[in-house]
Each structure stands twice: as C-alpha cells, then as structure tokens.
C-alpha cells in the first residue's frame, strides 16, 4: 500500500523558515518525480515545487522561487521542502505528491498518482 506522510508544518512568524518532510512507503521511490502542492483557504490547490527522481532537476513556482529548496533522499525515501522568508500568503495546507509517468507536466495536479494527507503551515505576524 502506497503512503505519503507529510510532517513539519506548524505556526511560524513572517520572515521565518521551515522544513517540510514527506516520507514515502510502498513505492520504488527513486523512479518517482516528487512534488509539493499547497491549498490556501478558499482557493484551489497550486503547484509549489517538484524534483526529478535522481534529484538533478528541480522546478519551482514563481511565488516561491528564490526562497524555497526542494530536495530528496532516495535512500530514506523522503522529499523535503525548505522555505525561507515566509509570508502570510504562504499559509496553506501543503501536500506531497508522487508521479510515476514523468511526462514533464510536473505543475499539473492530474499528473500525480499518489498524494499525502497534507500538513498545515500558518504564517503569522
């Protein structure tokens, strides 16, 4: 059974940092493209960042580019999202997702085969 379990969310002050983690099980992790999406209150789910199976390619949404880093540890079957200079608009539920096809549409929700349950990030002044 495939499971993606996110952790690391919480309450953080504006300008602060956090590191989200997603633990995968039940899949051959290294062949999956992995991504983070987020959903703010009253809004649809949006792409945040993605990383290729070997970790050599990473992609970011414009809204987080330059202040976020996605990384992965294939031996540990984990993917991470480090975010700095957090803003109120980063407040959302953050989801981890896994994509086996790797078609290149990493920014599309429907590209992904498996999803975690999400972890809440709240940025407050």
C-alpha atoms as a PDB file:
ATOM      1  CA  UNK A   1       0.000   0.000   0.000  1.00  0.00           C
ATOM      2  CA  UNK A   2       1.352   3.383  -1.039  1.00  0.00           C
ATOM      3  CA  UNK A   3       1.619   6.017   1.643  1.00  0.00           C
ATOM      4  CA  UNK A   4       2.934   9.564   1.598  1.00  0.00           C
ATOM      5  CA  UNK A   5       3.081  11.183   5.014  1.00  0.00           C
ATOM      6  CA  UNK A   6       3.931  14.852   5.421  1.00  0.00           C
ATOM      7  CA  UNK A   7       5.334  16.458   8.556  1.00  0.00           C
ATOM      8  CA  UNK A   8       6.996  19.658   9.659  1.00  0.00           C
ATOM      9  CA  UNK A   9       4.134  22.092   9.332  1.00  0.00           C
ATOM     10  CA  UNK A  10       3.071  24.474  12.060  1.00  0.00           C
ATOM     11  CA  UNK A  11       2.857  28.101  13.054  1.00  0.00           C
ATOM     12  CA  UNK A  12       5.739  30.324  12.017  1.00  0.00           C
ATOM     13  CA  UNK A  13       6.276  34.062  12.089  1.00  0.00           C
ATOM     14  CA  UNK A  14       6.516  36.202   8.996  1.00  0.00           C
ATOM     15  CA  UNK A  15      10.074  36.115   7.706  1.00  0.00           C
ATOM     16  CA  UNK A  16      10.759  32.785   9.354  1.00  0.00           C
ATOM     17  CA  UNK A  17      11.703  29.428   7.889  1.00  0.00           C
ATOM     18  CA  UNK A  18      10.524  25.872   8.000  1.00  0.00           C
ATOM     19  CA  UNK A  19      11.327  22.499   6.509  1.00  0.00           C
ATOM     20  CA  UNK A  20       8.603  20.134   5.418  1.00  0.00           C
ATOM     21  CA  UNK A  21       9.259  16.433   5.062  1.00  0.00           C
ATOM     22  CA  UNK A  22       7.383  13.713   3.208  1.00  0.00           C
ATOM     23  CA  UNK A  23       8.013  10.051   3.933  1.00  0.00           C
ATOM     24  CA  UNK A  24       7.076   7.562   1.229  1.00  0.00           C
ATOM     25  CA  UNK A  25       6.377   3.862   1.509  1.00  0.00           C
ATOM     26  CA  UNK A  26       5.032   1.201  -0.814  1.00  0.00           C
ATOM     27  CA  UNK A  27       6.687   2.612  -3.947  1.00  0.00           C
ATOM     28  CA  UNK A  28      10.062   2.398  -5.679  1.00  0.00           C
ATOM     29  CA  UNK A  29      10.747   5.923  -4.560  1.00  0.00           C
ATOM     30  CA  UNK A  30      13.731   6.750  -6.753  1.00  0.00           C
ATOM     31  CA  UNK A  31      11.789   6.422 -10.017  1.00  0.00           C
ATOM     32  CA  UNK A  32       9.079   8.844  -8.989  1.00  0.00           C
ATOM     33  CA  UNK A  33       9.003  12.526  -9.729  1.00  0.00           C
ATOM     34  CA  UNK A  34       8.037  14.153  -6.432  1.00  0.00           C
ATOM     35  CA  UNK A  35       6.324  17.459  -5.807  1.00  0.00           C
ATOM     36  CA  UNK A  36       4.818  19.774  -3.278  1.00  0.00           C
ATOM     37  CA  UNK A  37       1.490  21.482  -3.830  1.00  0.00           C
ATOM     38  CA  UNK A  38      -0.430  23.737  -1.485  1.00  0.00           C
ATOM     39  CA  UNK A  39      -4.006  24.832  -0.936  1.00  0.00           C
ATOM     40  CA  UNK A  40      -4.846  28.076   0.810  1.00  0.00           C
ATOM     41  CA  UNK A  41      -8.250  28.652   2.410  1.00  0.00           C
ATOM     42  CA  UNK A  42     -10.906  29.216  -0.231  1.00  0.00           C
ATOM     43  CA  UNK A  43      -8.521  28.530  -3.123  1.00  0.00           C
ATOM     44  CA  UNK A  44      -7.616  25.663  -5.388  1.00  0.00           C
ATOM     45  CA  UNK A  45      -4.539  23.523  -4.991  1.00  0.00           C
ATOM     46  CA  UNK A  46      -1.438  25.023  -6.598  1.00  0.00           C
ATOM     47  CA  UNK A  47       1.980  23.763  -7.596  1.00  0.00           C
ATOM     48  CA  UNK A  48       4.904  24.756  -5.362  1.00  0.00           C
ATOM     49  CA  UNK A  49       7.945  22.716  -6.352  1.00  0.00           C
ATOM     50  CA  UNK A  50       8.960  19.442  -7.994  1.00  0.00           C
ATOM     51  CA  UNK A  51      12.080  17.315  -8.236  1.00  0.00           C
ATOM     52  CA  UNK A  52      13.145  14.553 -10.596  1.00  0.00           C
ATOM     53  CA  UNK A  53      13.781  11.006  -9.470  1.00  0.00           C
ATOM     54  CA  UNK A  54      17.560  11.408  -9.354  1.00  0.00           C
ATOM     55  CA  UNK A  55      17.289  14.854  -7.767  1.00  0.00           C
ATOM     56  CA  UNK A  56      19.183  16.569 -10.571  1.00  0.00           C
ATOM     57  CA  UNK A  57      16.288  18.675 -11.824  1.00  0.00           C
ATOM     58  CA  UNK A  58      14.096  20.913  -9.691  1.00  0.00           C
ATOM     59  CA  UNK A  59      11.290  23.242 -10.600  1.00  0.00           C
ATOM     60  CA  UNK A  60       9.576  25.982  -8.642  1.00  0.00           C
ATOM     61  CA  UNK A  61       6.504  28.144  -8.802  1.00  0.00           C
ATOM     62  CA  UNK A  62       7.310  31.805  -9.308  1.00  0.00           C
ATOM     63  CA  UNK A  63       5.720  32.606  -5.965  1.00  0.00           C
ATOM     64  CA  UNK A  64       8.374  30.617  -4.047  1.00  0.00           C
ATOM     65  CA  UNK A  65      11.355  30.720  -6.396  1.00  0.00           C
ATOM     66  CA  UNK A  66      14.484  32.028  -4.731  1.00  0.00           C
ATOM     67  CA  UNK A  67      13.313  31.351  -1.199  1.00  0.00           C
ATOM     68  CA  UNK A  68      12.499  27.651  -1.367  1.00  0.00           C
ATOM     69  CA  UNK A  69      14.500  24.498  -1.945  1.00  0.00           C
ATOM     70  CA  UNK A  70      13.155  21.068  -2.766  1.00  0.00           C
ATOM     71  CA  UNK A  71      15.418  18.083  -2.141  1.00  0.00           C
ATOM     72  CA  UNK A  72      15.186  14.340  -1.739  1.00  0.00           C
ATOM     73  CA  UNK A  73      16.926  11.431  -0.074  1.00  0.00           C
ATOM     74  CA  UNK A  74      16.209   8.320  -2.098  1.00  0.00           C
ATOM     75  CA  UNK A  75      17.813   6.008   0.444  1.00  0.00           C
ATOM     76  CA  UNK A  76      15.484   7.334   3.127  1.00  0.00           C
ATOM     77  CA  UNK A  77      12.533   7.632   0.745  1.00  0.00           C
ATOM     78  CA  UNK A  78      11.943  11.223   1.727  1.00  0.00           C
ATOM     79  CA  UNK A  79      11.399  14.504  -0.054  1.00  0.00           C
ATOM     80  CA  UNK A  80      11.829  17.860   1.620  1.00  0.00           C
ATOM     81  CA  UNK A  81      10.730  21.426   1.085  1.00  0.00           C
ATOM     82  CA  UNK A  82      12.660  24.165   2.825  1.00  0.00           C
ATOM     83  CA  UNK A  83      11.031  27.574   2.750  1.00  0.00           C
ATOM     84  CA  UNK A  84      12.576  30.839   3.894  1.00  0.00           C
ATOM     85  CA  UNK A  85      11.362  34.424   4.198  1.00  0.00           C
ATOM     86  CA  UNK A  86       7.865  33.151   4.785  1.00  0.00           C
ATOM     87  CA  UNK A  87       4.934  35.427   4.037  1.00  0.00           C
ATOM     88  CA  UNK A  88       1.317  35.418   5.134  1.00  0.00           C
ATOM     89  CA  UNK A  89       0.351  34.255   1.658  1.00  0.00           C
ATOM     90  CA  UNK A  90       2.338  31.064   2.178  1.00  0.00           C
ATOM     91  CA  UNK A  91      -0.315  29.978   4.665  1.00  0.00           C
ATOM     92  CA  UNK A  92      -1.848  26.781   3.286  1.00  0.00           C
ATOM     93  CA  UNK A  93      -2.098  23.059   3.621  1.00  0.00           C
ATOM     94  CA  UNK A  94       0.977  21.589   1.932  1.00  0.00           C
ATOM     95  CA  UNK A  95       0.697  18.280   0.102  1.00  0.00           C
ATOM     96  CA  UNK A  96       3.334  15.866  -1.099  1.00  0.00           C
ATOM     97  CA  UNK A  97       2.680  14.057  -4.388  1.00  0.00           C
ATOM     98  CA  UNK A  98       4.325  11.291  -6.417  1.00  0.00           C
ATOM     99  CA  UNK A  99       4.362  10.975 -10.212  1.00  0.00           C
ATOM    100  CA  UNK A 100       5.450   7.789 -11.968  1.00  0.00           C
ATOM    101  CA  UNK A 101       4.905   8.856 -15.577  1.00  0.00           C
ATOM    102  CA  UNK A 102       7.294  11.788 -15.538  1.00  0.00           C
ATOM    103  CA  UNK A 103       5.704  13.281 -18.652  1.00  0.00           C
ATOM    104  CA  UNK A 104       7.024  16.723 -17.878  1.00  0.00           C
ATOM    105  CA  UNK A 105       3.768  18.271 -16.721  1.00  0.00           C
ATOM    106  CA  UNK A 106       5.092  18.490 -13.188  1.00  0.00           C
ATOM    107  CA  UNK A 107       2.962  21.562 -12.407  1.00  0.00           C
ATOM    108  CA  UNK A 108      -0.352  19.766 -13.060  1.00  0.00           C
ATOM    109  CA  UNK A 109      -2.303  18.124 -10.261  1.00  0.00           C
ATOM    110  CA  UNK A 110      -3.584  15.413 -12.581  1.00  0.00           C
ATOM    111  CA  UNK A 111      -0.040  14.345 -13.396  1.00  0.00           C
ATOM    112  CA  UNK A 112       0.386  12.820  -9.952  1.00  0.00           C
ATOM    113  CA  UNK A 113      -0.519   9.305  -8.947  1.00  0.00           C
ATOM    114  CA  UNK A 114      -0.332   9.497  -5.167  1.00  0.00           C
ATOM    115  CA  UNK A 115      -0.947  12.191  -2.577  1.00  0.00           C
ATOM    116  CA  UNK A 116      -0.316  12.661   1.100  1.00  0.00           C
ATOM    117  CA  UNK A 117      -2.875  13.897   3.578  1.00  0.00           C
ATOM    118  CA  UNK A 118      -1.288  17.338   3.933  1.00  0.00           C
ATOM    119  CA  UNK A 119       0.342  19.378   6.659  1.00  0.00           C
ATOM    120  CA  UNK A 120      -0.832  22.824   7.743  1.00  0.00           C
ATOM    121  CA  UNK A 121       1.526  25.787   7.529  1.00  0.00           C
ATOM    122  CA  UNK A 122       0.370  29.032   9.097  1.00  0.00           C
ATOM    123  CA  UNK A 123       2.445  32.182   8.755  1.00  0.00           C
ATOM    124  CA  UNK A 124       1.526  34.898  11.180  1.00  0.00           C
ATOM    125  CA  UNK A 125       2.934  38.211  12.275  1.00  0.00           C
END
